[in-house]
């Protein structure tokens, strides 16, 4: 099998523009939707913190909570769990 030369980006773009221009008008919303999905895919993800940064943040938060009574922390945690469950249930109904 003979390898075909890869068209330049400029030539490929020109061909795509010509192909899109030849499409029936009712297909243009599909093209626009596809382009939007491609743009969303190319958005860079938020970088995840590394382990050192994460540990430092956890230690900082733990130090800030050192004076809070255990019972109060447990109550806040349970309230957070309840809030998250309620939010998840509302989201399932949408």
N, C-alpha and C. Protein backbone atom coordinates (compact mmCIF):
# COMPACT_ATOMS: atom_id res chain seq x y z
N UNK A 1 0.84 -1.17 0.00
CA UNK A 1 0.00 0.00 0.00
C UNK A 1 0.89 1.24 0.00
N UNK A 2 0.58 2.19 -0.87
CA UNK A 2 1.36 3.41 -0.99
C UNK A 2 0.80 4.45 -0.03
N UNK A 3 1.68 5.05 0.73
CA UNK A 3 1.24 6.07 1.70
C UNK A 3 0.88 7.35 0.95
N UNK A 4 -0.30 7.87 1.27
CA UNK A 4 -0.76 9.11 0.64
C UNK A 4 -0.16 10.28 1.42
N UNK A 5 0.30 11.33 0.71
CA UNK A 5 0.82 12.48 1.44
C UNK A 5 -0.31 13.17 2.20
N UNK A 6 0.01 13.61 3.37
CA UNK A 6 -0.98 14.27 4.22
C UNK A 6 -1.17 15.70 3.73
N UNK A 7 -2.44 16.10 3.50
CA UNK A 7 -2.65 17.47 3.02
C UNK A 7 -2.28 18.47 4.11
N UNK A 8 -1.85 19.64 3.66
CA UNK A 8 -1.51 20.68 4.63
C UNK A 8 -2.77 21.14 5.34
N UNK A 9 -2.59 21.75 6.50
CA UNK A 9 -3.74 22.25 7.26
C UNK A 9 -4.54 23.25 6.44
N UNK A 10 -3.84 24.09 5.70
CA UNK A 10 -4.52 25.09 4.88
C UNK A 10 -5.38 24.43 3.80
N UNK A 11 -4.82 23.42 3.13
CA UNK A 11 -5.59 22.72 2.09
C UNK A 11 -6.76 21.95 2.69
N UNK A 12 -6.53 21.33 3.84
CA UNK A 12 -7.60 20.58 4.49
C UNK A 12 -8.73 21.53 4.90
N UNK A 13 -8.38 22.66 5.45
CA UNK A 13 -9.38 23.64 5.86
C UNK A 13 -10.16 24.14 4.64
N UNK A 14 -9.47 24.40 3.55
CA UNK A 14 -10.12 24.84 2.32
C UNK A 14 -11.13 23.79 1.84
N UNK A 15 -10.74 22.51 1.87
CA UNK A 15 -11.63 21.43 1.44
C UNK A 15 -12.85 21.33 2.35
N UNK A 16 -12.64 21.47 3.65
CA UNK A 16 -13.75 21.39 4.60
C UNK A 16 -14.72 22.55 4.37
N UNK A 17 -14.19 23.74 4.16
CA UNK A 17 -15.05 24.91 3.93
C UNK A 17 -15.88 24.70 2.66
N UNK A 18 -15.27 24.18 1.61
CA UNK A 18 -15.99 23.92 0.36
C UNK A 18 -17.07 22.88 0.59
N UNK A 19 -16.71 21.80 1.32
CA UNK A 19 -17.69 20.74 1.60
C UNK A 19 -18.87 21.27 2.41
N UNK A 20 -18.59 22.08 3.42
CA UNK A 20 -19.66 22.64 4.26
C UNK A 20 -20.53 23.57 3.42
N UNK A 21 -19.92 24.36 2.55
CA UNK A 21 -20.69 25.29 1.71
C UNK A 21 -21.62 24.55 0.77
N UNK A 22 -21.28 23.34 0.41
CA UNK A 22 -22.11 22.54 -0.51
C UNK A 22 -23.23 21.78 0.21
N UNK A 23 -23.20 21.74 1.52
CA UNK A 23 -24.23 21.01 2.26
C UNK A 23 -25.58 21.71 2.13
N UNK A 24 -26.66 20.92 2.22
CA UNK A 24 -27.98 21.55 2.25
C UNK A 24 -28.12 22.41 3.51
N UNK A 25 -28.90 23.46 3.41
CA UNK A 25 -29.04 24.41 4.51
C UNK A 25 -29.53 23.73 5.80
N UNK A 26 -30.36 22.72 5.68
CA UNK A 26 -30.89 22.05 6.89
C UNK A 26 -29.81 21.27 7.65
N UNK A 27 -28.66 21.03 7.03
CA UNK A 27 -27.56 20.33 7.71
C UNK A 27 -26.65 21.27 8.48
N UNK A 28 -26.76 22.57 8.24
CA UNK A 28 -25.85 23.53 8.88
C UNK A 28 -25.97 23.54 10.41
N UNK A 29 -27.17 23.40 11.02
CA UNK A 29 -27.20 23.32 12.49
C UNK A 29 -26.41 22.13 13.04
N UNK A 30 -26.40 21.02 12.30
CA UNK A 30 -25.61 19.86 12.74
C UNK A 30 -24.12 20.17 12.71
N UNK A 31 -23.70 20.88 11.67
CA UNK A 31 -22.29 21.27 11.56
C UNK A 31 -21.92 22.19 12.72
N UNK A 32 -22.79 23.17 13.00
CA UNK A 32 -22.53 24.10 14.09
C UNK A 32 -22.44 23.37 15.43
N UNK A 33 -23.33 22.41 15.64
CA UNK A 33 -23.31 21.63 16.89
C UNK A 33 -22.01 20.82 17.00
N UNK A 34 -21.59 20.23 15.90
CA UNK A 34 -20.36 19.46 15.90
C UNK A 34 -19.16 20.33 16.22
N UNK A 35 -19.11 21.53 15.62
CA UNK A 35 -18.01 22.45 15.88
C UNK A 35 -18.00 22.85 17.36
N UNK A 36 -19.18 23.11 17.95
CA UNK A 36 -19.25 23.44 19.38
C UNK A 36 -18.69 22.32 20.24
N UNK A 37 -19.04 21.07 19.90
CA UNK A 37 -18.52 19.93 20.67
C UNK A 37 -17.00 19.83 20.54
N UNK A 38 -16.48 20.10 19.37
CA UNK A 38 -15.03 20.08 19.19
C UNK A 38 -14.36 21.18 20.01
N UNK A 39 -14.98 22.37 20.05
CA UNK A 39 -14.41 23.47 20.84
C UNK A 39 -14.42 23.12 22.33
N UNK A 40 -15.48 22.49 22.82
CA UNK A 40 -15.55 22.10 24.24
C UNK A 40 -14.48 21.07 24.56
N UNK A 41 -14.24 20.17 23.63
CA UNK A 41 -13.24 19.12 23.85
C UNK A 41 -11.84 19.70 23.94
N UNK A 42 -11.60 20.82 23.25
CA UNK A 42 -10.25 21.37 23.23
C UNK A 42 -9.97 22.31 24.38
N UNK A 43 -10.98 22.57 25.24
CA UNK A 43 -10.77 23.43 26.40
C UNK A 43 -9.90 22.67 27.39
N UNK A 44 -8.78 23.25 27.81
CA UNK A 44 -7.89 22.53 28.72
C UNK A 44 -8.56 22.31 30.08
N UNK A 45 -8.34 21.15 30.63
CA UNK A 45 -8.90 20.82 31.95
C UNK A 45 -8.12 21.56 33.03
N UNK A 46 -8.78 21.79 34.14
CA UNK A 46 -8.11 22.42 35.27
C UNK A 46 -7.06 21.46 35.80
N UNK A 47 -5.83 21.92 35.96
CA UNK A 47 -4.78 21.01 36.44
C UNK A 47 -5.07 20.53 37.86
N UNK A 48 -4.82 19.26 38.09
CA UNK A 48 -5.02 18.69 39.42
C UNK A 48 -3.81 19.03 40.29
N UNK A 49 -4.07 19.28 41.58
CA UNK A 49 -2.94 19.59 42.47
C UNK A 49 -2.07 18.34 42.66
N UNK A 50 -0.79 18.56 42.86
CA UNK A 50 0.08 17.42 43.10
C UNK A 50 -0.04 17.00 44.57
N UNK A 51 0.55 15.90 44.92
CA UNK A 51 0.41 15.33 46.27
C UNK A 51 0.95 16.27 47.34
N UNK A 52 2.05 16.93 47.09
CA UNK A 52 2.65 17.84 48.08
C UNK A 52 1.70 19.00 48.36
N UNK A 53 1.14 19.58 47.31
CA UNK A 53 0.20 20.70 47.46
C UNK A 53 -1.06 20.25 48.19
N UNK A 54 -1.55 19.08 47.83
CA UNK A 54 -2.76 18.54 48.47
C UNK A 54 -2.55 18.30 49.96
N UNK A 55 -1.43 17.68 50.31
CA UNK A 55 -1.13 17.43 51.73
C UNK A 55 -1.01 18.73 52.51
N UNK A 56 -0.37 19.72 51.92
CA UNK A 56 -0.21 21.01 52.60
C UNK A 56 -1.57 21.66 52.84
N UNK A 57 -2.46 21.57 51.87
CA UNK A 57 -3.81 22.14 52.01
C UNK A 57 -4.60 21.41 53.09
N UNK A 58 -4.49 20.10 53.13
CA UNK A 58 -5.18 19.31 54.16
C UNK A 58 -4.65 19.66 55.54
N UNK A 59 -3.34 19.77 55.68
CA UNK A 59 -2.76 20.14 56.98
C UNK A 59 -3.20 21.53 57.41
N UNK A 60 -3.26 22.48 56.46
CA UNK A 60 -3.69 23.83 56.78
C UNK A 60 -5.15 23.83 57.28
N UNK A 61 -6.00 23.08 56.58
CA UNK A 61 -7.41 23.02 57.00
C UNK A 61 -7.55 22.31 58.34
N UNK A 62 -6.78 21.27 58.56
CA UNK A 62 -6.84 20.55 59.84
C UNK A 62 -6.40 21.46 60.98
N UNK A 63 -5.36 22.25 60.76
CA UNK A 63 -4.89 23.17 61.79
C UNK A 63 -5.96 24.22 62.10
N UNK A 64 -6.67 24.68 61.08
CA UNK A 64 -7.72 25.68 61.28
C UNK A 64 -8.88 25.11 62.09
N UNK A 65 -9.09 23.79 62.01
CA UNK A 65 -10.20 23.16 62.73
C UNK A 65 -9.77 22.55 64.06
N UNK A 66 -8.52 22.72 64.44
CA UNK A 66 -8.00 22.08 65.64
C UNK A 66 -8.78 22.44 66.91
N UNK A 67 -9.30 23.66 66.99
CA UNK A 67 -10.00 24.08 68.19
C UNK A 67 -11.50 23.79 68.18
N UNK A 68 -12.01 23.24 67.09
CA UNK A 68 -13.45 22.97 66.99
C UNK A 68 -13.76 21.64 67.66
N UNK A 69 -14.77 21.61 68.54
CA UNK A 69 -15.12 20.35 69.20
C UNK A 69 -15.52 19.25 68.20
N UNK A 70 -15.16 18.03 68.54
CA UNK A 70 -15.42 16.88 67.67
C UNK A 70 -16.90 16.74 67.35
N UNK A 71 -17.76 16.97 68.33
CA UNK A 71 -19.21 16.84 68.12
C UNK A 71 -19.70 17.85 67.07
N UNK A 72 -19.15 19.05 67.12
CA UNK A 72 -19.55 20.08 66.15
C UNK A 72 -19.09 19.70 64.74
N UNK A 73 -17.87 19.17 64.64
CA UNK A 73 -17.37 18.73 63.33
C UNK A 73 -18.24 17.59 62.78
N UNK A 74 -18.61 16.65 63.65
CA UNK A 74 -19.45 15.53 63.23
C UNK A 74 -20.81 16.03 62.75
N UNK A 75 -21.39 16.98 63.47
CA UNK A 75 -22.69 17.54 63.08
C UNK A 75 -22.59 18.26 61.74
N UNK A 76 -21.52 19.03 61.53
CA UNK A 76 -21.32 19.73 60.26
C UNK A 76 -21.15 18.74 59.11
N UNK A 77 -20.42 17.66 59.38
CA UNK A 77 -20.20 16.64 58.36
C UNK A 77 -21.52 15.98 57.97
N UNK A 78 -22.32 15.61 58.97
CA UNK A 78 -23.61 14.97 58.69
C UNK A 78 -24.53 15.91 57.92
N UNK A 79 -24.51 17.19 58.27
CA UNK A 79 -25.33 18.16 57.55
C UNK A 79 -24.87 18.27 56.09
N UNK A 80 -23.58 18.26 55.88
CA UNK A 80 -23.04 18.31 54.53
C UNK A 80 -23.48 17.08 53.72
N UNK A 81 -23.42 15.90 54.33
CA UNK A 81 -23.86 14.68 53.66
C UNK A 81 -25.33 14.80 53.28
N UNK A 82 -26.17 15.26 54.22
CA UNK A 82 -27.60 15.44 53.94
C UNK A 82 -27.82 16.42 52.78
N UNK A 83 -27.09 17.53 52.80
CA UNK A 83 -27.22 18.53 51.74
C UNK A 83 -26.83 17.95 50.39
N UNK A 84 -25.74 17.19 50.35
CA UNK A 84 -25.29 16.59 49.09
C UNK A 84 -26.29 15.56 48.58
N UNK A 85 -26.85 14.76 49.48
CA UNK A 85 -27.85 13.78 49.07
C UNK A 85 -29.09 14.47 48.51
N UNK A 86 -29.55 15.53 49.18
CA UNK A 86 -30.72 16.27 48.70
C UNK A 86 -30.43 16.89 47.33
N UNK A 87 -29.24 17.43 47.15
CA UNK A 87 -28.86 18.03 45.87
C UNK A 87 -28.81 16.97 44.78
N UNK A 88 -28.29 15.79 45.11
CA UNK A 88 -28.20 14.71 44.13
C UNK A 88 -29.59 14.24 43.74
N UNK A 89 -30.50 14.15 44.68
CA UNK A 89 -31.87 13.72 44.37
C UNK A 89 -32.57 14.73 43.47
N UNK A 90 -32.38 16.01 43.72
CA UNK A 90 -32.97 17.05 42.88
C UNK A 90 -32.39 16.97 41.47
N UNK A 91 -31.11 16.69 41.37
CA UNK A 91 -30.45 16.59 40.07
C UNK A 91 -30.93 15.39 39.25
N UNK A 92 -31.31 14.30 39.93
CA UNK A 92 -31.79 13.11 39.23
C UNK A 92 -33.14 13.35 38.59
N UNK A 93 -33.94 14.22 39.17
CA UNK A 93 -35.28 14.47 38.66
C UNK A 93 -35.27 15.35 37.42
N UNK A 94 -34.18 16.10 37.20
CA UNK A 94 -34.11 17.04 36.07
C UNK A 94 -34.04 16.31 34.76
